[in-house]
């Protein structure tokens, strides 16, 4: 496995009720084993909450620069990914295996990792988080493509400003 970057920083993390237990596990992992500071964006219990609210809370912390990275957890990771990607400057990606975790950072410069608590075991989730946080953006030919994602986002902002 790759070494983690020297600057640990902060990671915004949140989960709906389906991901609450995994979130608590990952907060301890981030802080105690990886040396990051976790910013807990909820849920704060296993009581029912709506994943779009949690995903937006994490995404806003990343979009403003308060946290360079975010992690969102729900049942499959998909709904939270969709919600997070509605926030400007967010490139959220679902990862369920090593390759998707690495690719999302290396090729797409993802800034939010979305995990499915009902699909991956806690040990595997820790592995994916470690891989994801330790993988740098490759830049090069991928930079042009990430810039095109940003251009699509800017176009959407412009189109919505005329409504």
N, C-alpha and C. Protein backbone atom coordinates (compact mmCIF):
# COMPACT_ATOMS: atom_id res chain seq x y z
N UNK A 1 0.82 -1.19 0.00
CA UNK A 1 0.00 0.00 0.00
C UNK A 1 0.86 1.24 0.00
N UNK A 2 0.36 2.29 -0.60
CA UNK A 2 1.08 3.56 -0.66
C UNK A 2 1.14 4.20 0.71
N UNK A 3 2.15 5.00 0.90
CA UNK A 3 2.25 5.78 2.13
C UNK A 3 1.28 6.94 2.05
N UNK A 4 0.79 7.37 3.19
CA UNK A 4 -0.11 8.52 3.22
C UNK A 4 0.69 9.79 3.01
N UNK A 5 0.06 10.81 2.46
CA UNK A 5 0.77 12.07 2.26
C UNK A 5 1.22 12.65 3.60
N UNK A 6 2.32 13.41 3.61
CA UNK A 6 2.84 13.94 4.87
C UNK A 6 1.85 14.88 5.57
N UNK A 7 1.07 15.65 4.81
CA UNK A 7 0.09 16.57 5.42
C UNK A 7 -1.22 15.82 5.58
N UNK A 8 -1.57 15.50 6.78
CA UNK A 8 -2.78 14.71 7.01
C UNK A 8 -4.03 15.57 6.84
N UNK A 9 -4.16 16.63 7.59
CA UNK A 9 -5.31 17.52 7.44
C UNK A 9 -6.59 16.94 7.99
N UNK A 10 -7.69 17.40 7.41
CA UNK A 10 -9.00 17.03 7.89
C UNK A 10 -9.79 16.31 6.81
N UNK A 11 -10.70 15.48 7.26
CA UNK A 11 -11.60 14.75 6.37
C UNK A 11 -13.01 14.94 6.92
N UNK A 12 -13.89 15.52 6.12
CA UNK A 12 -15.30 15.59 6.50
C UNK A 12 -15.90 14.21 6.28
N UNK A 13 -16.69 13.75 7.23
CA UNK A 13 -17.28 12.41 7.11
C UNK A 13 -18.71 12.44 7.61
N UNK A 14 -19.58 11.74 6.90
CA UNK A 14 -20.97 11.67 7.30
C UNK A 14 -21.62 10.41 6.78
N UNK A 15 -22.72 10.04 7.41
CA UNK A 15 -23.44 8.83 7.01
C UNK A 15 -24.91 8.97 7.38
N UNK A 16 -25.74 8.30 6.61
CA UNK A 16 -27.13 8.18 7.02
C UNK A 16 -27.21 7.07 8.08
N UNK A 17 -28.41 6.75 8.49
CA UNK A 17 -28.59 5.74 9.55
C UNK A 17 -28.02 4.38 9.14
N UNK A 18 -28.07 4.04 7.85
CA UNK A 18 -27.54 2.77 7.38
C UNK A 18 -26.03 2.69 7.45
N UNK A 19 -25.37 3.82 7.43
CA UNK A 19 -23.91 3.86 7.48
C UNK A 19 -23.35 4.34 8.79
N UNK A 20 -24.23 4.61 9.77
CA UNK A 20 -23.80 5.20 11.04
C UNK A 20 -22.69 4.40 11.72
N UNK A 21 -22.86 3.09 11.84
CA UNK A 21 -21.86 2.28 12.55
C UNK A 21 -20.52 2.28 11.82
N UNK A 22 -20.56 2.19 10.50
CA UNK A 22 -19.32 2.22 9.73
C UNK A 22 -18.65 3.59 9.85
N UNK A 23 -19.44 4.64 9.86
CA UNK A 23 -18.88 5.99 10.03
C UNK A 23 -18.11 6.09 11.34
N UNK A 24 -18.70 5.59 12.41
CA UNK A 24 -18.04 5.65 13.72
C UNK A 24 -16.71 4.87 13.69
N UNK A 25 -16.72 3.72 13.03
CA UNK A 25 -15.50 2.93 12.88
C UNK A 25 -14.44 3.69 12.09
N UNK A 26 -14.88 4.33 10.99
CA UNK A 26 -13.92 5.05 10.14
C UNK A 26 -13.39 6.32 10.80
N UNK A 27 -14.18 6.96 11.63
CA UNK A 27 -13.68 8.13 12.36
C UNK A 27 -12.50 7.71 13.24
N UNK A 28 -12.68 6.64 13.97
CA UNK A 28 -11.58 6.15 14.83
C UNK A 28 -10.36 5.79 13.98
N UNK A 29 -10.58 5.12 12.86
CA UNK A 29 -9.49 4.73 11.97
C UNK A 29 -8.76 5.96 11.43
N UNK A 30 -9.51 6.95 10.97
CA UNK A 30 -8.90 8.17 10.43
C UNK A 30 -8.03 8.86 11.47
N UNK A 31 -8.55 8.99 12.68
CA UNK A 31 -7.85 9.75 13.71
C UNK A 31 -6.75 8.95 14.40
N UNK A 32 -7.04 7.72 14.77
CA UNK A 32 -6.10 6.95 15.58
C UNK A 32 -5.02 6.26 14.74
N UNK A 33 -5.36 5.84 13.54
CA UNK A 33 -4.38 5.10 12.74
C UNK A 33 -3.77 5.91 11.61
N UNK A 34 -4.54 6.82 11.02
CA UNK A 34 -4.03 7.57 9.88
C UNK A 34 -3.60 8.99 10.22
N UNK A 35 -3.95 9.48 11.39
CA UNK A 35 -3.50 10.80 11.80
C UNK A 35 -4.28 11.97 11.23
N UNK A 36 -5.45 11.73 10.70
CA UNK A 36 -6.31 12.81 10.20
C UNK A 36 -7.22 13.30 11.32
N UNK A 37 -7.75 14.49 11.15
CA UNK A 37 -8.82 14.98 12.00
C UNK A 37 -10.12 14.77 11.25
N UNK A 38 -11.05 14.08 11.86
CA UNK A 38 -12.35 13.82 11.23
C UNK A 38 -13.34 14.89 11.66
N UNK A 39 -14.02 15.48 10.70
CA UNK A 39 -15.10 16.43 10.98
C UNK A 39 -16.40 15.68 10.76
N UNK A 40 -17.08 15.36 11.84
CA UNK A 40 -18.30 14.55 11.80
C UNK A 40 -19.48 15.41 11.40
N UNK A 41 -20.05 15.11 10.25
CA UNK A 41 -21.19 15.86 9.71
C UNK A 41 -22.52 15.14 9.94
N UNK A 42 -22.52 14.12 10.79
CA UNK A 42 -23.75 13.39 11.09
C UNK A 42 -23.82 12.12 10.27
N UNK A 43 -24.80 11.36 10.51
CA UNK A 43 -25.78 11.34 11.57
C UNK A 43 -25.08 11.05 12.90
N UNK A 44 -25.76 11.46 13.94
CA UNK A 44 -25.16 11.33 15.26
C UNK A 44 -25.80 10.21 16.07
N UNK A 45 -26.65 9.42 15.41
CA UNK A 45 -27.25 8.23 16.01
C UNK A 45 -27.70 7.34 14.85
N UNK A 46 -28.21 6.17 15.19
CA UNK A 46 -28.70 5.25 14.17
C UNK A 46 -30.15 5.55 13.79
N UNK A 47 -30.70 6.64 14.30
CA UNK A 47 -32.06 7.05 13.94
C UNK A 47 -32.12 7.48 12.48
N UNK A 48 -33.28 7.30 11.87
CA UNK A 48 -33.45 7.59 10.44
C UNK A 48 -33.15 9.05 10.11
N UNK A 49 -32.34 9.24 9.06
CA UNK A 49 -32.05 10.55 8.48
C UNK A 49 -32.04 10.39 6.97
N UNK A 50 -32.09 11.49 6.26
CA UNK A 50 -32.08 11.46 4.80
C UNK A 50 -30.66 11.66 4.28
N UNK A 51 -30.18 10.70 3.48
CA UNK A 51 -28.80 10.74 2.99
C UNK A 51 -28.47 12.00 2.20
N UNK A 52 -29.41 12.63 1.43
CA UNK A 52 -29.01 13.84 0.72
C UNK A 52 -28.57 14.97 1.67
N UNK A 53 -29.19 15.04 2.84
CA UNK A 53 -28.81 16.08 3.81
C UNK A 53 -27.39 15.86 4.32
N UNK A 54 -27.04 14.63 4.60
CA UNK A 54 -25.70 14.31 5.10
C UNK A 54 -24.67 14.51 4.00
N UNK A 55 -24.97 14.02 2.80
CA UNK A 55 -24.03 14.17 1.67
C UNK A 55 -23.77 15.64 1.38
N UNK A 56 -24.81 16.46 1.43
CA UNK A 56 -24.64 17.90 1.19
C UNK A 56 -23.79 18.55 2.28
N UNK A 57 -23.98 18.13 3.52
CA UNK A 57 -23.18 18.70 4.62
C UNK A 57 -21.70 18.40 4.43
N UNK A 58 -21.38 17.17 4.06
CA UNK A 58 -19.98 16.80 3.80
C UNK A 58 -19.46 17.57 2.59
N UNK A 59 -20.24 17.58 1.51
CA UNK A 59 -19.81 18.22 0.27
C UNK A 59 -19.56 19.72 0.46
N UNK A 60 -20.37 20.37 1.24
CA UNK A 60 -20.16 21.82 1.47
C UNK A 60 -18.87 22.08 2.21
N UNK A 61 -18.51 21.21 3.13
CA UNK A 61 -17.23 21.39 3.85
C UNK A 61 -16.05 21.22 2.91
N UNK A 62 -16.18 20.31 1.96
CA UNK A 62 -15.11 20.10 0.98
C UNK A 62 -15.11 21.24 -0.04
N UNK A 63 -16.27 21.63 -0.51
CA UNK A 63 -16.36 22.69 -1.54
C UNK A 63 -15.82 24.02 -1.05
N UNK A 64 -16.00 24.33 0.22
CA UNK A 64 -15.50 25.60 0.76
C UNK A 64 -14.01 25.55 1.09
N UNK A 65 -13.42 24.34 1.05
CA UNK A 65 -12.01 24.21 1.37
C UNK A 65 -11.74 23.95 2.84
N UNK A 66 -12.78 23.91 3.66
CA UNK A 66 -12.59 23.62 5.07
C UNK A 66 -11.91 22.26 5.25
N UNK A 67 -12.32 21.31 4.43
CA UNK A 67 -11.73 19.97 4.44
C UNK A 67 -11.33 19.62 3.01
N UNK A 68 -10.11 19.14 2.79
CA UNK A 68 -9.71 18.80 1.43
C UNK A 68 -10.40 17.55 0.89
N UNK A 69 -10.84 16.67 1.80
CA UNK A 69 -11.47 15.42 1.40
C UNK A 69 -12.71 15.15 2.23
N UNK A 70 -13.59 14.33 1.67
CA UNK A 70 -14.78 13.92 2.39
C UNK A 70 -15.08 12.45 2.15
N UNK A 71 -15.82 11.87 3.07
CA UNK A 71 -16.29 10.49 2.96
C UNK A 71 -17.76 10.50 3.33
N UNK A 72 -18.57 9.87 2.49
CA UNK A 72 -20.01 9.76 2.76
C UNK A 72 -20.40 8.30 2.67
N UNK A 73 -21.22 7.87 3.60
CA UNK A 73 -21.61 6.47 3.68
C UNK A 73 -23.12 6.36 3.76
N UNK A 74 -23.69 5.52 2.91
CA UNK A 74 -25.09 5.13 3.03
C UNK A 74 -25.16 3.64 2.70
N UNK A 75 -26.34 3.13 2.41
CA UNK A 75 -26.48 1.70 2.17
C UNK A 75 -25.62 1.19 1.03
N UNK A 76 -25.71 1.84 -0.14
CA UNK A 76 -24.94 1.41 -1.32
C UNK A 76 -23.90 2.44 -1.75
N UNK A 77 -23.96 3.65 -1.23
CA UNK A 77 -23.04 4.71 -1.62
C UNK A 77 -23.51 5.50 -2.83
N UNK A 78 -24.49 5.01 -3.53
CA UNK A 78 -24.91 5.62 -4.79
C UNK A 78 -25.71 6.90 -4.59
N UNK A 79 -26.72 6.85 -3.74
CA UNK A 79 -27.55 8.03 -3.51
C UNK A 79 -26.76 9.20 -2.95
N UNK A 80 -25.89 8.91 -2.00
CA UNK A 80 -25.05 9.97 -1.43
C UNK A 80 -24.12 10.55 -2.47
N UNK A 81 -23.61 9.70 -3.36
CA UNK A 81 -22.74 10.17 -4.44
C UNK A 81 -23.50 11.13 -5.35
N UNK A 82 -24.71 10.76 -5.71
CA UNK A 82 -25.53 11.63 -6.57
C UNK A 82 -25.78 12.97 -5.89
N UNK A 83 -26.13 12.94 -4.63
CA UNK A 83 -26.42 14.17 -3.90
C UNK A 83 -25.17 15.04 -3.77
N UNK A 84 -24.04 14.45 -3.40
CA UNK A 84 -22.81 15.21 -3.22
C UNK A 84 -22.38 15.88 -4.52
N UNK A 85 -22.57 15.19 -5.64
CA UNK A 85 -22.15 15.75 -6.93
C UNK A 85 -23.00 16.92 -7.40
N UNK A 86 -24.07 17.23 -6.71
CA UNK A 86 -24.88 18.41 -7.04
C UNK A 86 -24.27 19.69 -6.49
N UNK A 87 -23.29 19.55 -5.60
CA UNK A 87 -22.63 20.72 -5.00
C UNK A 87 -21.44 21.09 -5.88
N UNK A 88 -21.33 22.38 -6.22
CA UNK A 88 -20.24 22.86 -7.06
C UNK A 88 -18.88 22.46 -6.48
N UNK A 89 -17.95 22.15 -7.36
CA UNK A 89 -16.57 21.81 -7.04
C UNK A 89 -16.41 20.44 -6.38
N UNK A 90 -17.44 19.63 -6.46
CA UNK A 90 -17.36 18.29 -5.88
C UNK A 90 -17.23 17.26 -6.98
N UNK A 91 -16.31 16.33 -6.77
CA UNK A 91 -16.16 15.17 -7.64
C UNK A 91 -16.20 13.94 -6.72
N UNK A 92 -17.43 13.49 -6.47
CA UNK A 92 -17.64 12.34 -5.59
C UNK A 92 -17.66 11.06 -6.41
N UNK A 93 -17.13 10.00 -5.83
CA UNK A 93 -17.07 8.71 -6.52
C UNK A 93 -17.38 7.58 -5.55
N UNK A 94 -18.14 6.61 -6.05
CA UNK A 94 -18.41 5.39 -5.29
C UNK A 94 -17.26 4.43 -5.53
N UNK A 95 -16.79 3.80 -4.47
CA UNK A 95 -15.75 2.78 -4.61
C UNK A 95 -16.12 1.57 -3.77
N UNK A 96 -16.00 0.40 -4.39
CA UNK A 96 -16.27 -0.85 -3.68
C UNK A 96 -15.08 -1.80 -3.76
N UNK A 97 -14.06 -1.42 -4.53
CA UNK A 97 -12.87 -2.26 -4.65
C UNK A 97 -11.64 -1.37 -4.78
N UNK A 98 -10.47 -1.99 -4.69
CA UNK A 98 -9.22 -1.23 -4.73
C UNK A 98 -9.09 -0.40 -6.01
N UNK A 99 -9.40 -1.01 -7.12
CA UNK A 99 -9.20 -0.32 -8.40
C UNK A 99 -10.07 0.93 -8.53
N UNK A 100 -11.34 0.83 -8.11
CA UNK A 100 -12.21 2.01 -8.22
C UNK A 100 -11.78 3.10 -7.24
N UNK A 101 -11.28 2.73 -6.07
CA UNK A 101 -10.79 3.73 -5.13
C UNK A 101 -9.57 4.46 -5.69
N UNK A 102 -8.61 3.72 -6.20
CA UNK A 102 -7.39 4.32 -6.75
C UNK A 102 -7.72 5.14 -7.99
N UNK A 103 -8.50 4.60 -8.90
CA UNK A 103 -8.83 5.29 -10.14
C UNK A 103 -9.56 6.60 -9.88
N UNK A 104 -10.45 6.62 -8.91
CA UNK A 104 -11.21 7.84 -8.64
C UNK A 104 -10.31 9.00 -8.21
N UNK A 105 -9.22 8.69 -7.53
CA UNK A 105 -8.26 9.74 -7.13
C UNK A 105 -7.26 10.01 -8.26
N UNK A 106 -6.65 8.95 -8.78
CA UNK A 106 -5.57 9.07 -9.75
C UNK A 106 -6.03 9.70 -11.07
N UNK A 107 -7.17 9.29 -11.56
CA UNK A 107 -7.65 9.77 -12.86
C UNK A 107 -8.66 10.90 -12.76
N UNK A 108 -9.50 10.88 -11.72
CA UNK A 108 -10.62 11.83 -11.65
C UNK A 108 -10.46 12.88 -10.57
N UNK A 109 -9.42 12.81 -9.78
CA UNK A 109 -9.17 13.75 -8.69
C UNK A 109 -10.40 13.89 -7.79
N UNK A 110 -11.03 12.75 -7.49
CA UNK A 110 -12.20 12.77 -6.62
C UNK A 110 -11.85 13.39 -5.28
N UNK A 111 -12.77 14.19 -4.75
CA UNK A 111 -12.54 14.78 -3.44
C UNK A 111 -13.51 14.26 -2.38
N UNK A 112 -14.44 13.41 -2.79
CA UNK A 112 -15.31 12.72 -1.84
C UNK A 112 -15.39 11.25 -2.23
N UNK A 113 -15.20 10.40 -1.24
CA UNK A 113 -15.33 8.95 -1.40
C UNK A 113 -16.68 8.53 -0.84
N UNK A 114 -17.45 7.80 -1.64
CA UNK A 114 -18.76 7.32 -1.21
C UNK A 114 -18.69 5.81 -1.04
N UNK A 115 -19.15 5.35 0.10
CA UNK A 115 -19.08 3.93 0.44
C UNK A 115 -20.47 3.39 0.76
N UNK A 116 -20.67 2.13 0.44
CA UNK A 116 -21.92 1.45 0.74
C UNK A 116 -21.76 0.52 1.93
N UNK A 117 -22.35 0.90 3.05
CA UNK A 117 -22.18 0.12 4.28
C UNK A 117 -22.78 -1.28 4.18
N UNK A 118 -23.79 -1.45 3.34
CA UNK A 118 -24.38 -2.78 3.23
C UNK A 118 -23.64 -3.66 2.23
N UNK A 119 -22.64 -3.10 1.55
CA UNK A 119 -21.92 -3.83 0.52
C UNK A 119 -20.48 -4.18 0.87
N UNK A 120 -19.90 -3.47 1.84
CA UNK A 120 -18.51 -3.72 2.18
C UNK A 120 -18.35 -3.86 3.70
N UNK A 121 -17.47 -4.74 4.09
CA UNK A 121 -17.18 -4.97 5.50
C UNK A 121 -16.29 -3.85 6.04
N UNK A 122 -16.32 -3.63 7.35
CA UNK A 122 -15.50 -2.55 7.94
C UNK A 122 -14.01 -2.65 7.60
N UNK A 123 -13.44 -3.83 7.62
CA UNK A 123 -12.02 -3.98 7.29
C UNK A 123 -11.73 -3.57 5.86
N UNK A 124 -12.61 -3.92 4.96
CA UNK A 124 -12.45 -3.54 3.56
C UNK A 124 -12.63 -2.03 3.40
N UNK A 125 -13.57 -1.46 4.13
CA UNK A 125 -13.77 -0.01 4.08
C UNK A 125 -12.52 0.72 4.55
N UNK A 126 -11.90 0.24 5.60
CA UNK A 126 -10.65 0.86 6.08
C UNK A 126 -9.58 0.79 4.99
N UNK A 127 -9.48 -0.35 4.32
CA UNK A 127 -8.50 -0.50 3.24
C UNK A 127 -8.78 0.51 2.13
N UNK A 128 -10.05 0.64 1.73
CA UNK A 128 -10.39 1.57 0.65
C UNK A 128 -10.09 3.01 1.05
N UNK A 129 -10.39 3.38 2.28
CA UNK A 129 -10.10 4.74 2.75
C UNK A 129 -8.60 5.00 2.72
N UNK A 130 -7.82 4.06 3.21
CA UNK A 130 -6.36 4.22 3.20
C UNK A 130 -5.85 4.39 1.77
N UNK A 131 -6.29 3.52 0.88
CA UNK A 131 -5.87 3.61 -0.53
C UNK A 131 -6.28 4.94 -1.15
N UNK A 132 -7.51 5.32 -0.93
CA UNK A 132 -8.06 6.54 -1.53
C UNK A 132 -7.29 7.78 -1.05
N UNK A 133 -7.07 7.85 0.25
CA UNK A 133 -6.36 9.02 0.80
C UNK A 133 -4.88 9.04 0.42
N UNK A 134 -4.31 7.90 0.12
CA UNK A 134 -2.88 7.86 -0.21
C UNK A 134 -2.60 7.95 -1.70
N UNK A 135 -3.64 7.95 -2.52
CA UNK A 135 -3.44 8.01 -3.96
C UNK A 135 -3.47 9.45 -4.44
N UNK A 136 -2.40 9.94 -5.05
CA UNK A 136 -2.40 11.31 -5.57
C UNK A 136 -3.05 11.37 -6.95
N UNK A 137 -3.50 12.54 -7.30
CA UNK A 137 -4.01 12.79 -8.65
C UNK A 137 -2.82 12.75 -9.60
N UNK A 138 -2.94 12.00 -10.69
CA UNK A 138 -1.84 11.82 -11.63
C UNK A 138 -1.61 13.04 -12.52
N UNK A 139 -2.63 13.87 -12.68
CA UNK A 139 -2.47 15.03 -13.56
C UNK A 139 -2.28 14.59 -15.00
N UNK A 140 -1.41 15.27 -15.72
CA UNK A 140 -1.12 14.89 -17.11
C UNK A 140 -2.38 14.85 -17.95
N UNK A 141 -2.54 13.79 -18.70
CA UNK A 141 -3.70 13.67 -19.60
C UNK A 141 -5.02 13.70 -18.86
N UNK A 142 -5.00 13.34 -17.57
CA UNK A 142 -6.23 13.33 -16.78
C UNK A 142 -6.67 14.75 -16.40
N UNK A 143 -5.72 15.66 -16.32
CA UNK A 143 -6.03 17.03 -15.92
C UNK A 143 -7.02 17.67 -16.90
N UNK A 144 -6.80 17.47 -18.18
CA UNK A 144 -7.70 18.03 -19.20
C UNK A 144 -9.12 17.52 -19.00
N UNK A 145 -9.26 16.27 -18.66
CA UNK A 145 -10.58 15.67 -18.49
C UNK A 145 -11.27 16.18 -17.24
N UNK A 146 -10.52 16.34 -16.16
CA UNK A 146 -11.09 16.89 -14.93
C UNK A 146 -11.51 18.34 -15.17
N UNK A 147 -10.73 19.07 -15.94
CA UNK A 147 -11.11 20.45 -16.28
C UNK A 147 -12.41 20.48 -17.08
N UNK A 148 -12.62 19.49 -17.91
CA UNK A 148 -13.88 19.42 -18.67
C UNK A 148 -15.07 19.16 -17.75
N UNK A 149 -14.86 18.40 -16.70
CA UNK A 149 -15.92 18.21 -15.71
C UNK A 149 -16.26 19.56 -15.08
N UNK A 150 -15.24 20.32 -14.73
CA UNK A 150 -15.45 21.66 -14.18
C UNK A 150 -16.16 22.58 -15.14
N UNK A 151 -15.86 22.47 -16.42
CA UNK A 151 -16.53 23.29 -17.43
C UNK A 151 -18.02 22.94 -17.53
N UNK A 152 -18.34 21.67 -17.40
CA UNK A 152 -19.75 21.26 -17.40
C UNK A 152 -20.48 21.86 -16.20
N UNK A 153 -19.82 21.86 -15.08
CA UNK A 153 -20.38 22.45 -13.87
C UNK A 153 -20.61 23.95 -14.05
N UNK A 154 -19.64 24.64 -14.63
CA UNK A 154 -19.78 26.08 -14.87
C UNK A 154 -20.92 26.36 -15.84
N UNK A 155 -21.05 25.53 -16.85
CA UNK A 155 -22.15 25.69 -17.81
C UNK A 155 -23.50 25.52 -17.10
N UNK A 156 -23.59 24.54 -16.22
CA UNK A 156 -24.83 24.32 -15.48
C UNK A 156 -25.17 25.54 -14.61
N UNK A 157 -24.14 26.10 -13.95
CA UNK A 157 -24.37 27.29 -13.13
C UNK A 157 -24.90 28.42 -14.00
N UNK A 158 -24.29 28.62 -15.15
CA UNK A 158 -24.69 29.70 -16.06
C UNK A 158 -26.12 29.49 -16.55
N UNK A 159 -26.46 28.27 -16.94
CA UNK A 159 -27.81 27.99 -17.43
C UNK A 159 -28.84 28.21 -16.34
N UNK A 160 -28.52 27.85 -15.11
CA UNK A 160 -29.47 28.02 -14.01
C UNK A 160 -29.60 29.47 -13.57
N UNK A 161 -28.59 30.28 -13.84
CA UNK A 161 -28.66 31.68 -13.43
C UNK A 161 -29.65 32.47 -14.28
N UNK A 162 -30.04 31.94 -15.43
CA UNK A 162 -30.97 32.65 -16.29
C UNK A 162 -32.42 32.28 -16.02
N UNK A 163 -32.66 31.38 -15.11
CA UNK A 163 -34.04 30.95 -14.81
C UNK A 163 -34.72 31.84 -13.82
